[in-house]
């Protein structure tokens, strides 16, 4: 893990910028009086970019190493961030979100393959929890930076770009670079992309049958929260400053819960942990459909985020307990692909629920998904 110090430091900074950018886009579209469907479409393109990247970036990361991959894809994300300063069109923003998603899947594959390759199985839940703690530390800090300038102003977009560029510095200068060694052909072979994707999905289905639908569900919940919770809060009466503060505070819940849930999954088992957190999260989502008192909304959102944002770590730990070391780069890329499939659909599906049921429709959608995950955890299979 010592060799990953610079990589993890840069990752935390980059995630901070990405978090700021995600909410900033939703708020700017709200100020422009765009509909929830418009917001959902633009934000979904981020995960479409994820899908495109996950189809082929795993072998590339395995060949060039995590540091080089991080620097390359982080620089691409910084270039895309410049576009928001030059254009104010949802169509252009959709393209930029696609490029950002493509870049970020390369970053995430680099980090996850590095972390998973550095620890034994019995410590993987805690190691992945540390990675997710850094993720949500960056995510939460990004939300608080929304108040650094005028709402939706040029300064905040320039700050995003500065964070993206600044994230490359510790990766380049701090820590030992992992040497790039030739991996077995099974890990780095590059067949046609559909074959690579199908092979990865088949392997996931064989070693952990619940992983594919569970990862889709985690993607649905995560993307819907990021894209549409600012819309939900605005429609139940939160001012712009209150939205940024609420988002920052509740995302601290994701940070605080990673380590205890990681330890719980190491002791209780991944499957049982998945069931427990899904059931409790479903209860919190159901309450958010009807509750409108600010203090209660903040409390319920804190609990909901603290639970649902641990799902991906539990799922990834479960899968990596079961796969060979040589397959972990491809496995990380495949899991991110599956997660992004749910992520691409989440904002659009949730926005349809909001059109039918009002602001609370977002958490009607979340309640359905978490109950499905709870049922999945009780299904038979490995």
Protein backbone atom coordinates (compact mmCIF):
# COMPACT_ATOMS: atom_id res chain seq x y z
CA UNK A 1 0.00 0.00 0.00
CA UNK A 2 2.95 2.40 0.50
CA UNK A 3 3.47 2.52 -3.26
CA UNK A 4 -0.10 3.80 -3.63
CA UNK A 5 0.24 6.89 -1.40
CA UNK A 6 0.59 9.35 -4.27
CA UNK A 7 -2.06 7.56 -6.32
CA UNK A 8 -4.62 7.63 -3.50
CA UNK A 9 -3.83 11.27 -2.67
CA UNK A 10 -4.33 12.37 -6.26
CA UNK A 11 -7.47 10.28 -6.48
CA UNK A 12 -9.01 12.05 -3.48
CA UNK A 13 -8.37 15.47 -5.05
CA UNK A 14 -9.76 14.38 -8.41
CA UNK A 15 -12.93 12.93 -6.84
CA UNK A 16 -13.41 16.24 -5.01
CA UNK A 17 -13.44 18.07 -8.35
CA UNK A 18 -15.73 15.51 -9.96
CA UNK A 19 -18.21 15.77 -7.08
CA UNK A 20 -18.28 19.56 -7.34
CA UNK A 21 -18.83 19.35 -11.09
CA UNK A 22 -21.70 16.83 -10.85
CA UNK A 23 -23.85 18.92 -8.52
CA UNK A 24 -22.83 22.17 -10.22
CA UNK A 25 -24.27 20.93 -13.51
CA UNK A 26 -27.61 19.98 -11.92
CA UNK A 27 -27.87 23.36 -10.18
CA UNK A 28 -27.03 25.32 -13.34
CA UNK A 29 -29.70 23.42 -15.23
CA UNK A 30 -32.22 24.13 -12.47
CA UNK A 31 -31.38 27.85 -12.63
CA UNK A 32 -31.97 27.68 -16.39
CA UNK A 33 -35.40 26.13 -15.66
CA UNK A 34 -34.60 22.82 -17.33
CA UNK A 35 -36.84 19.85 -16.50
CA UNK A 36 -35.87 16.86 -14.39
CA UNK A 37 -35.80 14.80 -17.59
CA UNK A 38 -33.25 17.19 -19.11
CA UNK A 39 -31.08 16.93 -16.01
CA UNK A 40 -31.43 13.15 -16.04
CA UNK A 41 -30.42 12.94 -19.70
CA UNK A 42 -27.27 15.04 -19.31
CA UNK A 43 -26.18 13.26 -16.15
CA UNK A 44 -26.87 9.83 -17.64
CA UNK A 45 -24.32 10.56 -20.37
CA UNK A 46 -21.59 10.41 -17.72
CA UNK A 47 -22.38 6.73 -17.21
CA UNK A 48 -22.70 6.10 -20.93
CA UNK A 49 -19.08 7.28 -21.08
CA UNK A 50 -18.35 4.86 -18.25
CA UNK A 51 -19.75 2.03 -20.36
CA UNK A 52 -17.64 2.98 -23.37
CA UNK A 53 -14.51 3.14 -21.23
CA UNK A 54 -15.15 -0.07 -19.34
CA UNK A 55 -15.45 -2.01 -22.61
CA UNK A 56 -11.75 -1.68 -23.34
CA UNK A 57 -9.73 0.19 -20.72
CA UNK A 58 -9.05 -2.74 -18.36
CA UNK A 59 -6.32 -4.34 -20.54
CA UNK A 60 -4.76 -0.90 -21.16
CA UNK A 61 -4.50 -0.18 -17.42
CA UNK A 62 -2.98 -3.61 -16.90
CA UNK A 63 -0.30 -2.94 -19.51
CA UNK A 64 0.80 0.58 -18.58
CA UNK A 65 0.31 0.49 -14.80
CA UNK A 66 -1.98 2.46 -12.48
CA UNK A 67 0.09 5.66 -12.20
CA UNK A 68 0.47 6.21 -15.94
CA UNK A 69 -3.19 5.39 -16.51
CA UNK A 70 -4.28 7.81 -13.79
CA UNK A 71 -2.24 10.68 -15.23
CA UNK A 72 -3.50 10.11 -18.76
CA UNK A 73 -7.16 9.83 -17.92
CA UNK A 74 -7.01 12.57 -15.29
CA UNK A 75 -5.60 14.94 -17.92
CA UNK A 76 -8.44 14.02 -20.30
CA UNK A 77 -11.01 14.79 -17.57
CA UNK A 78 -9.35 18.19 -17.02
CA UNK A 79 -9.62 19.01 -20.73
CA UNK A 80 -13.32 18.11 -20.71
CA UNK A 81 -13.88 20.33 -17.67
CA UNK A 82 -12.68 23.33 -19.68
CA UNK A 83 -15.67 22.93 -21.98
CA UNK A 84 -18.18 23.97 -19.31
CA UNK A 85 -16.52 27.39 -19.22
CA UNK A 86 -17.06 27.86 -22.96
CA UNK A 87 -20.52 26.41 -23.66
CA UNK A 88 -23.94 26.64 -22.04
CA UNK A 89 -25.82 24.07 -24.12
CA UNK A 90 -27.28 20.85 -22.64
CA UNK A 91 -26.35 19.00 -25.83
CA UNK A 92 -22.70 20.04 -25.55
CA UNK A 93 -22.73 19.29 -21.85
CA UNK A 94 -24.04 15.80 -22.60
CA UNK A 95 -20.97 15.20 -24.79
CA UNK A 96 -18.66 16.59 -22.12
CA UNK A 97 -20.27 14.37 -19.49
CA UNK A 98 -19.64 11.40 -21.77
CA UNK A 99 -15.93 12.30 -22.01
CA UNK A 100 -15.70 12.78 -18.24
CA UNK A 101 -17.31 9.40 -17.61
CA UNK A 102 -14.93 7.74 -20.06
CA UNK A 103 -11.98 9.32 -18.26
CA UNK A 104 -13.16 8.45 -14.78
CA UNK A 105 -13.62 4.75 -15.51
CA UNK A 106 -9.92 4.65 -16.39
CA UNK A 107 -9.11 6.33 -13.08
CA UNK A 108 -11.34 4.00 -11.07
CA UNK A 109 -9.97 0.90 -12.79
CA UNK A 110 -6.44 2.05 -11.94
CA UNK A 111 -7.25 2.58 -8.27
CA UNK A 112 -9.33 -0.55 -7.74
CA UNK A 113 -6.92 -2.91 -9.46
CA UNK A 114 -4.04 -1.41 -7.45
CA UNK A 115 -5.83 -1.69 -4.11
CA UNK A 116 -7.19 -5.18 -4.75
CA UNK A 117 -3.76 -6.39 -5.80
CA UNK A 118 -2.06 -5.05 -2.66
CA UNK A 119 -3.96 -6.92 0.08
CA UNK A 120 -4.90 -10.53 0.95
CA UNK A 121 -8.51 -11.72 1.00
CA UNK A 122 -8.93 -11.49 4.78
CA UNK A 123 -8.13 -7.76 4.72
CA UNK A 124 -9.84 -6.83 1.47
CA UNK A 125 -13.07 -5.55 3.04
CA UNK A 126 -11.13 -3.09 5.20
CA UNK A 127 -8.75 -2.08 2.41
CA UNK A 128 -11.58 -1.38 0.04
CA UNK A 129 -13.34 0.50 2.84
CA UNK A 130 -10.27 2.77 3.11
CA UNK A 131 -10.45 3.43 -0.62
CA UNK A 132 -14.14 4.31 -0.31
CA UNK A 133 -13.48 6.51 2.74
CA UNK A 134 -11.10 8.55 0.58
CA UNK A 135 -13.72 8.55 -2.18
CA UNK A 136 -16.42 10.05 0.01
CA UNK A 137 -13.99 12.37 1.76
CA UNK A 138 -13.38 13.88 -1.67
CA UNK A 139 -17.05 13.74 -2.64
CA UNK A 140 -18.19 15.49 0.54
CA UNK A 141 -15.48 18.16 0.32
CA UNK A 142 -16.55 18.86 -3.26
CA UNK A 143 -20.08 19.63 -2.14
CA UNK A 144 -18.92 22.17 0.43
CA UNK A 145 -16.91 23.93 -2.29
CA UNK A 146 -20.18 24.83 -4.01
CA UNK A 147 -20.30 27.90 -1.79
CA UNK A 148 -16.87 29.13 -2.88
CA UNK A 149 -18.33 31.53 -5.46
CA UNK A 150 -21.59 32.75 -6.91
CA UNK A 151 -24.00 29.83 -7.56
CA UNK A 152 -23.17 28.34 -10.94
CA UNK A 153 -20.51 31.00 -11.55
CA UNK A 154 -17.32 30.85 -13.59
CA UNK A 155 -15.15 30.60 -10.48
CA UNK A 156 -16.61 27.25 -9.47
CA UNK A 157 -16.01 25.78 -12.94
CA UNK A 158 -12.43 27.09 -12.88
CA UNK A 159 -12.01 25.49 -9.45
CA UNK A 160 -13.13 22.14 -10.88
CA UNK A 161 -10.47 22.37 -13.55
CA UNK A 162 -7.83 23.34 -10.99
CA UNK A 163 -8.66 20.30 -8.87
CA UNK A 164 -8.48 17.98 -11.87
CA UNK A 165 -5.04 19.29 -12.84
CA UNK A 166 -3.80 19.43 -9.23
CA UNK A 167 -4.72 15.76 -8.75
CA UNK A 168 -1.98 14.75 -11.20
CA UNK A 169 0.83 16.25 -9.09
CA UNK A 170 0.96 13.75 -6.17
CA UNK A 171 0.56 10.83 -8.56
CA UNK A 172 3.61 11.96 -10.53
CA UNK A 173 5.81 13.00 -7.59
CA UNK A 174 4.87 11.02 -4.45
CA UNK A 175 5.28 7.35 -3.65
CA UNK A 176 6.93 4.46 -5.44
CA UNK A 177 5.68 3.74 -8.93
CA UNK A 178 4.54 0.16 -9.33
CA UNK A 179 6.61 -1.60 -11.96
CA UNK A 180 4.69 -2.82 -14.99
CA UNK A 181 5.22 -6.54 -15.31
CA UNK A 182 3.96 -8.79 -18.03
CA UNK A 183 0.73 -10.32 -16.87
CA UNK A 184 -0.52 -13.74 -17.92
CA UNK A 185 -2.18 -13.83 -21.34
CA UNK A 186 -5.52 -14.56 -19.71
CA UNK A 187 -5.35 -11.20 -17.93
CA UNK A 188 -4.15 -8.92 -20.72
CA UNK A 189 -5.24 -10.56 -23.94
CA UNK A 190 -7.32 -8.21 -26.05
CA UNK A 191 -9.91 -10.12 -28.03
CA UNK A 192 -12.77 -8.35 -29.71
CA UNK A 193 -14.55 -6.13 -27.19
CA UNK A 194 -17.87 -7.99 -27.19
CA UNK A 195 -15.96 -11.22 -26.43
CA UNK A 196 -14.02 -9.52 -23.63
CA UNK A 197 -17.22 -8.17 -22.13
CA UNK A 198 -19.08 -11.46 -22.39
CA UNK A 199 -16.15 -13.38 -20.89
CA UNK A 200 -16.02 -10.98 -17.95
CA UNK A 201 -19.76 -11.23 -17.35
CA UNK A 202 -19.68 -15.02 -17.59
CA UNK A 203 -16.88 -15.20 -15.06
CA UNK A 204 -18.72 -12.90 -12.66
CA UNK A 205 -21.86 -15.01 -13.03
CA UNK A 206 -19.90 -18.18 -12.31
CA UNK A 207 -17.94 -17.01 -9.26
CA UNK A 208 -20.57 -14.68 -7.72
CA UNK A 209 -24.02 -14.98 -9.34
CA UNK A 210 -25.51 -12.07 -7.38
CA UNK A 211 -22.76 -9.64 -8.35
CA UNK A 212 -24.13 -8.52 -11.73
CA UNK A 213 -27.70 -7.56 -10.71
CA UNK A 214 -26.47 -6.23 -7.36
CA UNK A 215 -23.91 -4.01 -9.08
CA UNK A 216 -26.58 -2.71 -11.48
CA UNK A 217 -28.75 -1.85 -8.49
CA UNK A 218 -25.89 -0.02 -6.78
CA UNK A 219 -25.34 1.98 -9.96
CA UNK A 220 -29.02 2.89 -10.20
CA UNK A 221 -29.06 4.21 -6.64
CA UNK A 222 -25.79 6.11 -6.79
CA UNK A 223 -26.39 7.93 -10.08
CA UNK A 224 -29.99 8.80 -9.24
CA UNK A 225 -28.88 10.29 -5.92
CA UNK A 226 -26.12 12.47 -7.39
CA UNK A 227 -28.12 13.65 -10.39
CA UNK A 228 -31.54 14.27 -8.87
CA UNK A 229 -31.25 14.82 -5.12
CA UNK A 230 -30.46 18.52 -5.77
CA UNK A 231 -33.70 18.64 -7.81
CA UNK A 232 -35.59 16.83 -5.03
CA UNK A 233 -34.29 19.26 -2.39
CA UNK A 234 -35.10 22.32 -4.51
CA UNK A 235 -38.66 21.13 -5.07
CA UNK A 236 -39.34 20.55 -1.37
CA UNK A 237 -38.21 24.08 -0.56
CA UNK A 238 -34.44 24.09 0.04
CA UNK A 239 -32.59 27.25 -1.12
CA UNK A 240 -29.47 26.85 -3.28
CA UNK A 241 -27.15 27.37 -0.30
CA UNK A 242 -29.13 24.82 1.71
CA UNK A 243 -28.84 22.27 -1.10
CA UNK A 244 -25.04 22.41 -1.21
CA UNK A 245 -24.80 22.23 2.58
CA UNK A 246 -27.24 19.32 2.80
CA UNK A 247 -25.43 17.40 0.06
CA UNK A 248 -22.08 17.89 1.76
CA UNK A 249 -23.35 16.85 5.18
CA UNK A 250 -25.20 13.74 4.07
CA UNK A 251 -22.25 12.53 2.00
CA UNK A 252 -20.19 12.52 5.20
CA UNK A 253 -22.44 9.57 6.07
CA UNK A 254 -20.94 7.66 3.15
CA UNK A 255 -17.46 8.43 4.47
CA UNK A 256 -18.18 7.39 8.06
CA UNK A 257 -19.92 4.13 7.19
CA UNK A 258 -17.30 2.58 4.89
CA UNK A 259 -14.94 1.24 7.55
CA UNK A 260 -17.56 -0.27 9.91
CA UNK A 261 -19.49 -1.84 7.03
CA UNK A 262 -16.23 -3.20 5.60
CA UNK A 263 -15.42 -4.82 8.94
CA UNK A 264 -18.99 -6.09 9.24
CA UNK A 265 -18.77 -7.73 5.82
CA UNK A 266 -15.46 -9.38 6.78
CA UNK A 267 -17.08 -10.87 9.89
CA UNK A 268 -20.75 -11.37 9.02
CA UNK A 269 -20.28 -12.23 5.36
CA UNK A 270 -20.90 -10.21 2.20
CA UNK A 271 -24.32 -11.70 1.46
CA UNK A 272 -25.80 -11.08 4.91
CA UNK A 273 -24.37 -7.55 4.97
CA UNK A 274 -25.95 -6.79 1.58
CA UNK A 275 -29.34 -7.86 2.91
CA UNK A 276 -29.17 -5.86 6.13
CA UNK A 277 -28.14 -2.57 4.57
CA UNK A 278 -30.67 -2.93 1.73
CA UNK A 279 -33.62 -3.43 4.10
CA UNK A 280 -32.72 -0.47 6.32
CA UNK A 281 -32.06 1.74 3.28
CA UNK A 282 -35.48 0.83 1.88
CA UNK A 283 -37.08 2.07 5.11
CA UNK A 284 -35.21 5.37 4.91
CA UNK A 285 -36.20 5.82 1.25
CA UNK A 286 -39.87 5.17 2.04
CA UNK A 287 -39.79 7.84 4.75
CA UNK A 288 -38.20 10.37 2.36
CA UNK A 289 -41.18 10.05 0.04
CA UNK A 290 -43.45 11.79 2.55
CA UNK A 291 -41.26 13.65 5.07
CA UNK A 292 -40.77 17.37 4.41
CA UNK A 293 -39.34 18.76 7.68
CA UNK A 294 -35.78 19.86 6.93
CA UNK A 295 -34.17 18.30 10.00
CA UNK A 296 -35.85 14.94 9.36
CA UNK A 297 -35.01 15.04 5.65
CA UNK A 298 -31.34 15.70 6.45
CA UNK A 299 -31.27 12.86 9.01
CA UNK A 300 -32.95 10.37 6.68
CA UNK A 301 -30.72 11.33 3.76
CA UNK A 302 -27.67 10.88 5.99
CA UNK A 303 -28.82 7.36 6.92
CA UNK A 304 -29.80 6.50 3.34
CA UNK A 305 -26.45 7.60 1.91
CA UNK A 306 -24.48 5.93 4.72
CA UNK A 307 -26.07 2.62 3.74
CA UNK A 308 -26.51 2.68 -0.04
CA UNK A 309 -23.04 4.04 -0.75
CA UNK A 310 -21.44 1.01 0.91
CA UNK A 311 -23.18 -1.43 -1.46
CA UNK A 312 -20.54 -1.28 -4.18
CA UNK A 313 -17.69 -1.96 -1.74
CA UNK A 314 -19.48 -5.03 -0.35
CA UNK A 315 -20.14 -6.35 -3.86
CA UNK A 316 -16.57 -5.78 -5.08
CA UNK A 317 -15.10 -7.40 -1.97
CA UNK A 318 -17.37 -10.42 -2.49
CA UNK A 319 -16.23 -10.85 -6.08
CA UNK A 320 -12.52 -10.33 -5.38
CA UNK A 321 -12.67 -12.96 -2.65
CA UNK A 322 -13.45 -15.44 -5.42
CA UNK A 323 -11.38 -14.51 -8.48
CA UNK A 324 -7.76 -15.28 -9.33
CA UNK A 325 -5.12 -12.58 -8.84
CA UNK A 326 -4.37 -12.50 -12.57
CA UNK A 327 -8.00 -11.65 -13.38
CA UNK A 328 -8.47 -8.74 -11.01
CA UNK A 329 -7.76 -5.92 -13.48
CA UNK A 330 -10.35 -7.31 -15.91
CA UNK A 331 -12.72 -8.02 -13.02
CA UNK A 332 -12.46 -4.42 -11.76
CA UNK A 333 -13.17 -3.10 -15.25
CA UNK A 334 -16.14 -5.46 -15.70
CA UNK A 335 -17.65 -4.49 -12.35
CA UNK A 336 -17.31 -0.82 -13.24
CA UNK A 337 -19.01 -1.56 -16.55
CA UNK A 338 -21.92 -3.28 -14.84
CA UNK A 339 -22.15 -0.45 -12.29
CA UNK A 340 -22.19 2.08 -15.12
CA UNK A 341 -25.04 0.26 -16.87
CA UNK A 342 -27.13 0.93 -13.78
CA UNK A 343 -25.67 4.42 -13.53
CA UNK A 344 -26.69 5.29 -17.09
CA UNK A 345 -30.26 4.22 -16.48
CA UNK A 346 -30.64 5.61 -12.94
CA UNK A 347 -31.18 9.35 -13.61
CA UNK A 348 -33.56 8.73 -16.51
CA UNK A 349 -35.67 6.15 -14.66
CA UNK A 350 -35.75 8.19 -11.45
CA UNK A 351 -36.74 11.34 -13.37
CA UNK A 352 -39.70 9.45 -14.82
CA UNK A 353 -40.78 8.52 -11.28
CA UNK A 354 -40.47 12.20 -10.34
CA UNK A 355 -42.65 13.22 -13.28
CA UNK A 356 -45.33 10.76 -12.14
CA UNK A 357 -45.12 11.17 -8.36
CA UNK A 358 -43.53 14.59 -7.82
CA UNK A 359 -40.34 15.21 -5.85
CA UNK A 360 -40.86 12.12 -3.68
CA UNK A 361 -40.84 9.93 -6.80
CA UNK A 362 -37.05 9.84 -6.57
CA UNK A 363 -37.28 7.88 -3.34
CA UNK A 364 -40.17 5.74 -4.51
CA UNK A 365 -37.71 4.59 -7.16
CA UNK A 366 -34.98 4.10 -4.53
CA UNK A 367 -37.33 2.07 -2.35
CA UNK A 368 -38.10 -0.33 -5.21
CA UNK A 369 -34.41 -0.84 -5.98
CA UNK A 370 -33.31 -1.42 -2.38
CA UNK A 371 -36.11 -3.92 -1.79
CA UNK A 372 -35.02 -5.77 -4.93
CA UNK A 373 -31.46 -5.90 -3.58
CA UNK A 374 -32.74 -7.24 -0.24
CA UNK A 375 -34.61 -9.99 -2.08
CA UNK A 376 -31.50 -10.73 -4.15
CA UNK A 377 -29.41 -11.22 -1.01
CA UNK A 378 -31.77 -14.00 0.06
CA UNK A 379 -31.69 -15.81 -3.27
CA UNK A 380 -29.93 -19.14 -3.56
CA UNK A 381 -26.55 -19.41 -5.15
CA UNK A 382 -22.91 -18.79 -4.37
